[in-house]
PDB file of N, CA and C in Angstrom:
ATOM      1  N   MET A   1    -149.265-123.225 -62.718  1.00  0.00           N
ATOM      2  CA  MET A   1    -148.202-122.920 -63.571  1.00  0.00           C
ATOM      3  C   MET A   1    -150.008-122.477 -64.297  1.00  0.00           C
ATOM      4  N   CYS A   2    -149.063-121.702 -65.356  1.00  0.00           N
ATOM      5  CA  CYS A   2    -149.729-120.509 -66.221  1.00  0.00           C
ATOM      6  C   CYS A   2    -151.166-121.272 -67.509  1.00  0.00           C
ATOM      7  N   VAL A   3    -152.548-121.878 -67.202  1.00  0.00           N
ATOM      8  CA  VAL A   3    -152.604-122.420 -68.827  1.00  0.00           C
ATOM      9  C   VAL A   3    -152.901-123.100 -69.690  1.00  0.00           C
ATOM     10  N   LEU A   4    -151.556-121.184 -70.207  1.00  0.00           N
ATOM     11  CA  LEU A   4    -151.392-120.903 -71.430  1.00  0.00           C
ATOM     12  C   LEU A   4    -150.489-121.350 -71.487  1.00  0.00           C
ATOM     13  N   ASN A   5    -149.754-122.401 -70.849  1.00  0.00           N
ATOM     14  CA  ASN A   5    -148.294-122.555 -70.952  1.00  0.00           C
ATOM     15  C   ASN A   5    -148.106-124.009 -71.217  1.00  0.00           C
ATOM     16  N   LYS A   6    -147.717-124.766 -72.825  1.00  0.00           N
ATOM     17  CA  LYS A   6    -147.733-125.975 -72.888  1.00  0.00           C
ATOM     18  C   LYS A   6    -147.082-127.027 -72.163  1.00  0.00           C
ATOM     19  N   VAL A   7    -147.673-127.759 -71.356  1.00  0.00           N
ATOM     20  CA  VAL A   7    -147.055-128.846 -70.760  1.00  0.00           C
ATOM     21  C   VAL A   7    -147.427-130.137 -71.527  1.00  0.00           C
ATOM     22  N   SER A   8    -145.895-130.928 -70.857  1.00  0.00           N
ATOM     23  CA  SER A   8    -145.532-132.415 -71.166  1.00  0.00           C
ATOM     24  C   SER A   8    -145.353-133.242 -69.813  1.00  0.00           C
ATOM     25  N   ARG A   9    -146.495-134.031 -69.996  1.00  0.00           N
ATOM     26  CA  ARG A   9    -146.474-135.260 -69.281  1.00  0.00           C
ATOM     27  C   ARG A   9    -146.506-136.209 -68.912  1.00  0.00           C
ATOM     28  N   VAL A  10    -146.123-138.097 -68.719  1.00  0.00           N
ATOM     29  CA  VAL A  10    -145.936-138.841 -69.228  1.00  0.00           C
ATOM     30  C   VAL A  10    -146.625-139.171 -67.867  1.00  0.00           C
ATOM     31  N   GLY A  11    -147.239-140.315 -68.218  1.00  0.00           N
ATOM     32  CA  GLY A  11    -148.129-141.543 -67.699  1.00  0.00           C
ATOM     33  C   GLY A  11    -149.164-140.189 -66.147  1.00  0.00           C
ATOM     34  N   MET A  12    -149.279-139.553 -67.211  1.00  0.00           N
ATOM     35  CA  MET A  12    -151.001-138.667 -66.792  1.00  0.00           C
ATOM     36  C   MET A  12    -152.056-139.879 -65.574  1.00  0.00           C
ATOM     37  N   GLU A  13    -152.553-138.949 -64.592  1.00  0.00           N
ATOM     38  CA  GLU A  13    -153.219-139.753 -63.933  1.00  0.00           C
ATOM     39  C   GLU A  13    -154.946-139.224 -64.321  1.00  0.00           C
ATOM     40  N   LEU A  14    -155.471-140.525 -64.623  1.00  0.00           N
ATOM     41  CA  LEU A  14    -156.867-140.053 -65.515  1.00  0.00           C
ATOM     42  C   LEU A  14    -157.806-138.903 -64.231  1.00  0.00           C
ATOM     43  N   GLU A  15    -157.570-138.914 -63.034  1.00  0.00           N
ATOM     44  CA  GLU A  15    -158.536-137.383 -62.114  1.00  0.00           C
ATOM     45  C   GLU A  15    -157.396-136.758 -62.221  1.00  0.00           C
ATOM     46  N   ASN A  16    -156.452-136.440 -63.077  1.00  0.00           N
ATOM     47  CA  ASN A  16    -155.826-135.297 -62.765  1.00  0.00           C
ATOM     48  C   ASN A  16    -156.266-134.304 -63.878  1.00  0.00           C
ATOM     49  N   CYS A  17    -156.352-132.914 -63.345  1.00  0.00           N
ATOM     50  CA  CYS A  17    -156.077-131.757 -65.499  1.00  0.00           C
ATOM     51  C   CYS A  17    -154.375-132.214 -65.660  1.00  0.00           C
ATOM     52  N   PRO A  18    -155.485-131.908 -66.520  1.00  0.00           N
ATOM     53  CA  PRO A  18    -153.447-132.404 -67.638  1.00  0.00           C
ATOM     54  C   PRO A  18    -152.769-130.624 -67.721  1.00  0.00           C
ATOM     55  N   LEU A  19    -153.615-129.210 -67.553  1.00  0.00           N
ATOM     56  CA  LEU A  19    -152.957-128.808 -67.047  1.00  0.00           C
ATOM     57  C   LEU A  19    -152.389-128.176 -65.525  1.00  0.00           C
ATOM     58  N   CYS A  20    -153.012-128.799 -64.630  1.00  0.00           N
ATOM     59  CA  CYS A  20    -152.793-128.066 -63.615  1.00  0.00           C
ATOM     60  C   CYS A  20    -151.988-128.469 -62.482  1.00  0.00           C
ATOM     61  N   TYR A  21    -152.507-130.502 -63.232  1.00  0.00           N
ATOM     62  CA  TYR A  21    -152.068-131.045 -61.971  1.00  0.00           C
ATOM     63  C   TYR A  21    -152.740-131.126 -60.850  1.00  0.00           C
ATOM     64  N   ARG A  22    -153.916-130.444 -60.849  1.00  0.00           N
ATOM     65  CA  ARG A  22    -154.926-130.986 -60.100  1.00  0.00           C
ATOM     66  C   ARG A  22    -156.098-131.304 -59.785  1.00  0.00           C
ATOM     67  N   HIS A  23    -156.494-132.222 -58.922  1.00  0.00           N
ATOM     68  CA  HIS A  23    -157.901-133.121 -59.166  1.00  0.00           C
ATOM     69  C   HIS A  23    -159.181-132.759 -60.172  1.00  0.00           C
ATOM     70  N   ASN A  24    -159.006-133.143 -61.329  1.00  0.00           N
ATOM     71  CA  ASN A  24    -160.289-132.932 -62.648  1.00  0.00           C
ATOM     72  C   ASN A  24    -161.758-132.829 -61.908  1.00  0.00           C
ATOM     73  N   ASN A  25    -162.398-133.683 -60.653  1.00  0.00           N
ATOM     74  CA  ASN A  25    -163.786-133.589 -60.468  1.00  0.00           C
ATOM     75  C   ASN A  25    -164.165-134.399 -61.778  1.00  0.00           C
ATOM     76  N   CYS A  26    -164.331-134.803 -62.120  1.00  0.00           N
ATOM     77  CA  CYS A  26    -164.744-135.588 -63.068  1.00  0.00           C
ATOM     78  C   CYS A  26    -164.549-137.031 -63.296  1.00  0.00           C
ATOM     79  N   CYS A  27    -166.361-136.933 -62.831  1.00  0.00           N
ATOM     80  CA  CYS A  27    -166.858-138.777 -62.727  1.00  0.00           C
ATOM     81  C   CYS A  27    -167.214-139.421 -63.552  1.00  0.00           C
ATOM     82  N   ASN A  28    -166.814-139.201 -65.321  1.00  0.00           N
ATOM     83  CA  ASN A  28    -167.181-140.057 -65.515  1.00  0.00           C
ATOM     84  C   ASN A  28    -166.152-140.777 -65.767  1.00  0.00           C
ATOM     85  N   GLY A  29    -166.488-142.344 -66.019  1.00  0.00           N
ATOM     86  CA  GLY A  29    -166.009-142.856 -66.421  1.00  0.00           C
ATOM     87  C   GLY A  29    -165.874-144.343 -64.806  1.00  0.00           C
ATOM     88  N   LYS A  30    -166.279-143.411 -64.509  1.00  0.00           N
ATOM     89  CA  LYS A  30    -166.962-143.719 -62.424  1.00  0.00           C
ATOM     90  C   LYS A  30    -167.966-144.553 -61.965  1.00  0.00           C
ATOM     91  N   GLU A  31    -168.370-144.528 -61.151  1.00  0.00           N
ATOM     92  CA  GLU A  31    -170.333-145.698 -60.900  1.00  0.00           C
ATOM     93  C   GLU A  31    -171.353-144.490 -61.232  1.00  0.00           C
ATOM     94  N   LYS A  32    -172.303-145.036 -62.870  1.00  0.00           N
ATOM     95  CA  LYS A  32    -172.901-144.324 -63.090  1.00  0.00           C
ATOM     96  C   LYS A  32    -173.861-143.947 -62.809  1.00  0.00           C
ATOM     97  N   SER A  33    -173.909-144.188 -61.069  1.00  0.00           N
ATOM     98  CA  SER A  33    -174.946-143.954 -60.033  1.00  0.00           C
ATOM     99  C   SER A  33    -174.556-142.198 -59.904  1.00  0.00           C
ATOM    100  N   LEU A  34    -173.924-142.283 -60.434  1.00  0.00           N
ATOM    101  CA  LEU A  34    -173.343-140.634 -59.704  1.00  0.00           C
ATOM    102  C   LEU A  34    -173.772-139.767 -61.287  1.00  0.00           C
ATOM    103  N   GLY A  35    -174.669-139.982 -62.184  1.00  0.00           N
ATOM    104  CA  GLY A  35    -175.245-139.551 -63.301  1.00  0.00           C
ATOM    105  C   GLY A  35    -173.782-138.609 -64.042  1.00  0.00           C
ATOM    106  N   ASP A  36    -174.339-137.850 -64.590  1.00  0.00           N
ATOM    107  CA  ASP A  36    -173.277-137.349 -65.215  1.00  0.00           C
ATOM    108  C   ASP A  36    -172.641-136.387 -65.270  1.00  0.00           C
ATOM    109  N   CYS A  37    -171.622-135.679 -65.466  1.00  0.00           N
ATOM    110  CA  CYS A  37    -169.773-135.043 -64.967  1.00  0.00           C
ATOM    111  C   CYS A  37    -170.194-133.968 -65.521  1.00  0.00           C
ATOM    112  N   TRP A  38    -170.145-132.784 -65.165  1.00  0.00           N
ATOM    113  CA  TRP A  38    -170.223-131.282 -64.654  1.00  0.00           C
ATOM    114  C   TRP A  38    -169.787-130.695 -66.510  1.00  0.00           C
ATOM    115  N   CYS A  39    -168.623-131.662 -66.811  1.00  0.00           N
ATOM    116  CA  CYS A  39    -167.281-131.143 -68.316  1.00  0.00           C
ATOM    117  C   CYS A  39    -168.247-132.185 -69.435  1.00  0.00           C
ATOM    118  N   THR A  40    -169.475-132.962 -68.778  1.00  0.00           N
ATOM    119  CA  THR A  40    -170.316-133.246 -70.993  1.00  0.00           C
ATOM    120  C   THR A  40    -171.107-132.117 -70.683  1.00  0.00           C
ATOM    121  N   LYS A  41    -171.176-131.146 -69.901  1.00  0.00           N
ATOM    122  CA  LYS A  41    -173.004-130.275 -69.910  1.00  0.00           C
ATOM    123  C   LYS A  41    -172.220-129.082 -70.415  1.00  0.00           C
ATOM    124  N   THR A  42    -170.777-128.748 -70.531  1.00  0.00           N
ATOM    125  CA  THR A  42    -170.061-127.484 -70.607  1.00  0.00           C
ATOM    126  C   THR A  42    -169.346-127.083 -71.809  1.00  0.00           C
ATOM    127  N   PHE A  43    -168.920-126.355 -72.686  1.00  0.00           N
ATOM    128  CA  PHE A  43    -168.378-125.901 -73.711  1.00  0.00           C
ATOM    129  C   PHE A  43    -166.740-125.366 -73.649  1.00  0.00           C
ATOM    130  N   PHE A  44    -166.067-126.618 -73.937  1.00  0.00           N
ATOM    131  CA  PHE A  44    -164.737-126.291 -73.755  1.00  0.00           C
ATOM    132  C   PHE A  44    -163.733-125.806 -74.894  1.00  0.00           C
ATOM    133  N   PRO A  45    -163.788-124.431 -75.041  1.00  0.00           N
ATOM    134  CA  PRO A  45    -162.840-124.171 -76.526  1.00  0.00           C
ATOM    135  C   PRO A  45    -162.097-124.817 -77.296  1.00  0.00           C
ATOM    136  N   SER A  46    -162.279-125.407 -78.607  1.00  0.00           N
ATOM    137  CA  SER A  46    -161.137-126.059 -79.384  1.00  0.00           C
ATOM    138  C   SER A  46    -160.267-125.290 -79.247  1.00  0.00           C
ATOM    139  N   GLU A  47    -158.751-124.052 -78.966  1.00  0.00           N
ATOM    140  CA  GLU A  47    -157.830-123.322 -78.142  1.00  0.00           C
ATOM    141  C   GLU A  47    -157.049-124.185 -77.163  1.00  0.00           C
ATOM    142  N   LEU A  48    -158.514-124.609 -76.495  1.00  0.00           N
ATOM    143  CA  LEU A  48    -158.178-124.955 -75.275  1.00  0.00           C
ATOM    144  C   LEU A  48    -156.880-126.446 -76.136  1.00  0.00           C
ATOM    145  N   PHE A  49    -157.494-127.584 -76.045  1.00  0.00           N
ATOM    146  CA  PHE A  49    -157.098-128.915 -76.521  1.00  0.00           C
ATOM    147  C   PHE A  49    -155.802-127.970 -77.424  1.00  0.00           C
ATOM    148  N   ASP A  50    -155.192-127.320 -78.172  1.00  0.00           N
ATOM    149  CA  ASP A  50    -154.516-126.359 -78.340  1.00  0.00           C
ATOM    150  C   ASP A  50    -153.365-126.966 -77.519  1.00  0.00           C
ATOM    151  N   LEU A  51    -153.201-126.131 -76.136  1.00  0.00           N
ATOM    152  CA  LEU A  51    -152.495-126.977 -74.622  1.00  0.00           C
ATOM    153  C   LEU A  51    -152.474-127.746 -74.445  1.00  0.00           C
ATOM    154  N   LEU A  52    -152.635-128.395 -74.589  1.00  0.00           N
ATOM    155  CA  LEU A  52    -152.417-129.970 -73.922  1.00  0.00           C
ATOM    156  C   LEU A  52    -151.279-131.021 -74.969  1.00  0.00           C
ATOM    157  N   PRO A  53    -150.621-131.685 -74.257  1.00  0.00           N
ATOM    158  CA  PRO A  53    -149.809-132.736 -74.498  1.00  0.00           C
ATOM    159  C   PRO A  53    -150.712-133.631 -75.816  1.00  0.00           C
ATOM    160  N   PRO A  54    -150.085-134.227 -77.113  1.00  0.00           N
ATOM    161  CA  PRO A  54    -150.842-134.862 -77.191  1.00  0.00           C
ATOM    162  C   PRO A  54    -151.874-136.202 -77.158  1.00  0.00           C
ATOM    163  N   GLU A  55    -151.289-136.695 -75.950  1.00  0.00           N
ATOM    164  CA  GLU A  55    -151.039-137.594 -75.376  1.00  0.00           C
ATOM    165  C   GLU A  55    -151.628-137.989 -74.261  1.00  0.00           C
ATOM    166  N   ALA A  56    -153.100-136.466 -74.611  1.00  0.00           N
ATOM    167  CA  ALA A  56    -153.287-135.760 -73.317  1.00  0.00           C
ATOM    168  C   ALA A  56    -155.470-135.736 -73.777  1.00  0.00           C
ATOM    169  N   VAL A  57    -154.493-135.040 -74.927  1.00  0.00           N
ATOM    170  CA  VAL A  57    -156.252-135.820 -75.915  1.00  0.00           C
ATOM    171  C   VAL A  57    -156.764-136.394 -75.947  1.00  0.00           C
ATOM    172  N   ARG A  58    -158.144-135.625 -75.012  1.00  0.00           N
ATOM    173  CA  ARG A  58    -159.207-136.549 -74.989  1.00  0.00           C
ATOM    174  C   ARG A  58    -159.211-138.061 -74.049  1.00  0.00           C
ATOM    175  N   LYS A  59    -158.180-137.987 -73.857  1.00  0.00           N
ATOM    176  CA  LYS A  59    -157.756-139.492 -72.208  1.00  0.00           C
ATOM    177  C   LYS A  59    -157.793-138.510 -70.568  1.00  0.00           C
ATOM    178  N   THR A  60    -157.553-137.588 -70.399  1.00  0.00           N
ATOM    179  CA  THR A  60    -158.338-137.343 -69.137  1.00  0.00           C
ATOM    180  C   THR A  60    -159.226-135.513 -69.548  1.00  0.00           C
ATOM    181  N   CYS A  61    -159.659-135.432 -68.448  1.00  0.00           N
ATOM    182  CA  CYS A  61    -160.347-133.578 -68.191  1.00  0.00           C
ATOM    183  C   CYS A  61    -159.156-133.138 -67.554  1.00  0.00           C
ATOM    184  N   ILE A  62    -159.781-132.280 -68.314  1.00  0.00           N
ATOM    185  CA  ILE A  62    -159.493-130.413 -67.747  1.00  0.00           C
ATOM    186  C   ILE A  62    -160.003-130.157 -67.286  1.00  0.00           C
ATOM    187  N   CYS A  63    -159.612-129.178 -65.429  1.00  0.00           N
ATOM    188  CA  CYS A  63    -160.804-129.235 -64.800  1.00  0.00           C
ATOM    189  C   CYS A  63    -161.639-127.480 -64.896  1.00  0.00           C
ATOM    190  N   GLU A  64    -162.546-127.413 -64.230  1.00  0.00           N
ATOM    191  CA  GLU A  64    -163.278-126.463 -64.192  1.00  0.00           C
ATOM    192  C   GLU A  64    -162.557-125.509 -64.083  1.00  0.00           C
ATOM    193  N   SER A  65    -161.776-125.066 -63.403  1.00  0.00           N
ATOM    194  CA  SER A  65    -160.909-123.820 -63.118  1.00  0.00           C
ATOM    195  C   SER A  65    -159.899-122.941 -63.966  1.00  0.00           C
ATOM    196  N   CYS A  66    -159.493-124.403 -64.739  1.00  0.00           N
ATOM    197  CA  CYS A  66    -158.312-124.374 -65.931  1.00  0.00           C
ATOM    198  C   CYS A  66    -159.328-123.729 -67.343  1.00  0.00           C
ATOM    199  N   LEU A  67    -160.207-124.172 -67.112  1.00  0.00           N
ATOM    200  CA  LEU A  67    -161.450-124.212 -67.837  1.00  0.00           C
ATOM    201  C   LEU A  67    -161.397-123.207 -68.250  1.00  0.00           C
ATOM    202  N   ASN A  68    -162.528-122.280 -66.568  1.00  0.00           N
ATOM    203  CA  ASN A  68    -162.609-121.000 -66.788  1.00  0.00           C
ATOM    204  C   ASN A  68    -161.447-119.541 -66.761  1.00  0.00           C
ATOM    205  N   ARG A  69    -160.668-120.218 -66.605  1.00  0.00           N
ATOM    206  CA  ARG A  69    -159.193-119.371 -66.215  1.00  0.00           C
ATOM    207  C   ARG A  69    -158.640-118.581 -68.300  1.00  0.00           C
ATOM    208  N   PHE A  70    -158.872-120.132 -68.728  1.00  0.00           N
ATOM    209  CA  PHE A  70    -158.396-120.310 -70.601  1.00  0.00           C
ATOM    210  C   PHE A  70    -160.012-118.769 -70.513  1.00  0.00           C
ATOM    211  N   LYS A  71    -161.573-119.790 -70.525  1.00  0.00           N
ATOM    212  CA  LYS A  71    -162.203-118.671 -71.211  1.00  0.00           C
ATOM    213  C   LYS A  71    -162.406-117.212 -71.102  1.00  0.00           C
ATOM    214  N   SER A  72    -162.047-116.715 -69.364  1.00  0.00           N
ATOM    215  CA  SER A  72    -162.163-115.426 -69.358  1.00  0.00           C
ATOM    216  C   SER A  72    -160.366-115.063 -70.072  1.00  0.00           C
ATOM    217  N   THR A  73    -159.585-115.509 -70.158  1.00  0.00           N
ATOM    218  CA  THR A  73    -157.699-114.856 -71.236  1.00  0.00           C
ATOM    219  C   THR A  73    -158.431-114.987 -72.380  1.00  0.00           C
ATOM    220  N   PHE A  74    -159.724-115.909 -72.681  1.00  0.00           N
ATOM    221  CA  PHE A  74    -159.551-115.794 -74.461  1.00  0.00           C
ATOM    222  C   PHE A  74    -160.172-114.417 -74.697  1.00  0.00           C
ATOM    223  N   SER A  75    -161.406-114.678 -73.506  1.00  0.00           N
ATOM    224  CA  SER A  75    -162.761-113.483 -73.390  1.00  0.00           C
ATOM    225  C   SER A  75    -161.795-112.108 -73.837  1.00  0.00           C
ATOM    226  N   ASP A  76    -160.672-111.692 -72.565  1.00  0.00           N
ATOM    227  CA  ASP A  76    -160.113-111.141 -72.542  1.00  0.00           C
ATOM    228  C   ASP A  76    -159.690-110.473 -74.076  1.00  0.00           C
ATOM    229  N   GLU A  77    -159.048-110.949 -74.850  1.00  0.00           N
ATOM    230  CA  GLU A  77    -158.732-111.345 -75.790  1.00  0.00           C
ATOM    231  C   GLU A  77    -159.142-110.430 -77.157  1.00  0.00           C
ATOM    232  N   ASN A  78    -160.379-111.053 -77.213  1.00  0.00           N
ATOM    233  CA  ASN A  78    -161.334-110.607 -78.565  1.00  0.00           C
ATOM    234  C   ASN A  78    -162.046-109.412 -77.702  1.00  0.00           C
TER     235      ASN A  78
END
């Protein structure tokens, strides 16, 4: 699925990326001994959140693959 397509899905799993539905590898909300998640240490462009259905914003994490794909596509356009 192209990261630039808007998606709509009800009842998303918190461990799945809302764009590609693959595991997002986010450890927020898991055992604190795991430490900080990768997603807390990186920048997410606000335009990326515009691709999400409203019910997914700030509810489940975008995976690193979709983030990187968006960043490379977005940087190619500028």
